[in-house]
Protein backbone atom coordinates (compact mmCIF):
# COMPACT_ATOMS: atom_id res chain seq x y z
CA MET A 1 1.60 16.80 -4.93
CA THR A 2 3.49 17.35 -1.71
CA ASP A 3 7.13 16.64 -1.08
CA PRO A 4 7.69 13.21 0.46
CA ALA A 5 8.40 13.12 4.16
CA ILE A 6 10.70 10.70 5.91
CA GLU A 7 9.53 9.50 9.28
CA ILE A 8 11.35 6.91 11.38
CA LEU A 9 8.85 4.71 13.17
CA PRO A 10 9.43 2.24 16.00
CA ALA A 11 9.61 -1.38 14.85
CA ALA A 12 6.66 -2.35 17.03
CA THR A 13 4.26 0.24 15.60
CA TRP A 14 5.25 0.89 11.97
CA PRO A 15 2.94 -1.74 10.39
CA ASP A 16 -0.21 -0.33 11.97
CA ARG A 17 0.77 3.30 11.31
CA VAL A 18 1.55 2.64 7.65
CA ALA A 19 -1.58 0.48 7.20
CA ARG A 20 -3.77 3.23 8.63
CA ARG A 21 -2.20 5.83 6.35
CA LEU A 22 -2.75 3.61 3.33
CA ALA A 23 -6.34 3.02 4.45
CA GLU A 24 -6.85 6.79 4.64
CA ARG A 25 -5.52 7.18 1.10
CA LEU A 26 -7.78 4.39 -0.17
CA ARG A 27 -10.84 5.96 1.43
CA ALA A 28 -9.95 9.28 -0.22
CA GLU A 29 -9.05 7.67 -3.56
CA PRO A 30 -10.61 4.19 -3.88
CA ALA A 31 -9.08 3.56 -7.32
CA LEU A 32 -5.58 4.13 -5.95
CA ARG A 33 -2.82 2.01 -7.49
CA PRO A 34 -0.59 1.06 -4.54
CA CYS A 35 2.73 -0.59 -5.36
CA PRO A 36 3.80 -2.49 -2.25
CA PRO A 37 7.12 -4.32 -2.17
CA PRO A 38 7.15 -8.12 -2.16
CA GLY A 39 9.01 -10.28 0.34
CA GLU A 40 9.06 -10.80 4.08
CA THR A 41 9.92 -7.26 5.19
CA PRO A 42 6.42 -5.84 4.53
CA ALA A 43 4.63 -8.96 5.89
CA PRO A 44 3.66 -7.17 9.17
CA LEU A 45 2.14 -4.36 7.08
CA TYR A 46 0.08 -6.85 5.07
CA ALA A 47 -1.14 -8.45 8.32
CA SER A 48 -2.25 -5.02 9.57
CA LEU A 49 -4.06 -4.36 6.29
CA VAL A 50 -5.85 -7.70 6.56
CA ARG A 51 -7.01 -6.78 10.07
CA LEU A 52 -8.28 -3.39 8.85
CA ALA A 53 -10.08 -5.00 5.91
CA GLY A 54 -11.65 -7.60 8.21
CA ALA A 55 -12.90 -4.79 10.45
CA GLY A 56 -14.40 -2.99 7.43
CA GLU A 57 -11.98 -0.06 7.80
CA VAL A 58 -10.43 -0.44 4.34
CA SER A 59 -11.39 -1.92 1.00
CA PHE A 60 -9.18 -2.76 -1.92
CA GLY A 61 -12.21 -3.45 -4.12
CA ALA A 62 -11.61 -0.52 -6.50
CA ALA A 63 -7.82 -0.44 -6.15
CA THR A 64 -5.29 -1.99 -8.50
CA VAL A 65 -2.44 -3.49 -6.50
CA VAL A 66 0.78 -3.93 -8.47
CA LEU A 67 3.74 -5.53 -6.73
CA LEU A 68 7.00 -3.76 -7.47
CA ASP A 69 8.55 -6.80 -9.13
CA GLU A 70 5.64 -7.05 -11.60
CA TYR A 71 6.57 -4.03 -13.71
CA VAL A 72 9.96 -5.21 -15.01
CA GLY A 73 9.87 -5.18 -18.77
CA LEU A 74 6.58 -3.29 -19.12
CA ASP A 75 6.42 -0.22 -21.33
CA ALA A 76 6.43 3.12 -19.49
CA ASP A 77 2.80 3.79 -20.50
CA ASP A 78 1.50 0.32 -19.58
CA PRO A 79 -1.43 0.66 -17.15
CA ALA A 80 0.09 -2.03 -14.91
CA ARG A 81 3.04 0.23 -14.07
CA CYS A 82 3.02 2.31 -10.90
């Protein structure tokens, strides 16, 4: 595992950049378990992901998507945790 990197992206382009990176990860690891945040802030990201999925550039078919607010109260070894 590599150290996380912090990159500041322009407001106009961050959703597409992040969506493309997530799509790359999903192509490399289809059973990925992404844990996106809920709420309005990531809505542009979700719209970008929908566009990529509609274009056939990404599939969530084998992924397990767990929203961050869904893990409260789950045991540490529960498969639904990120």
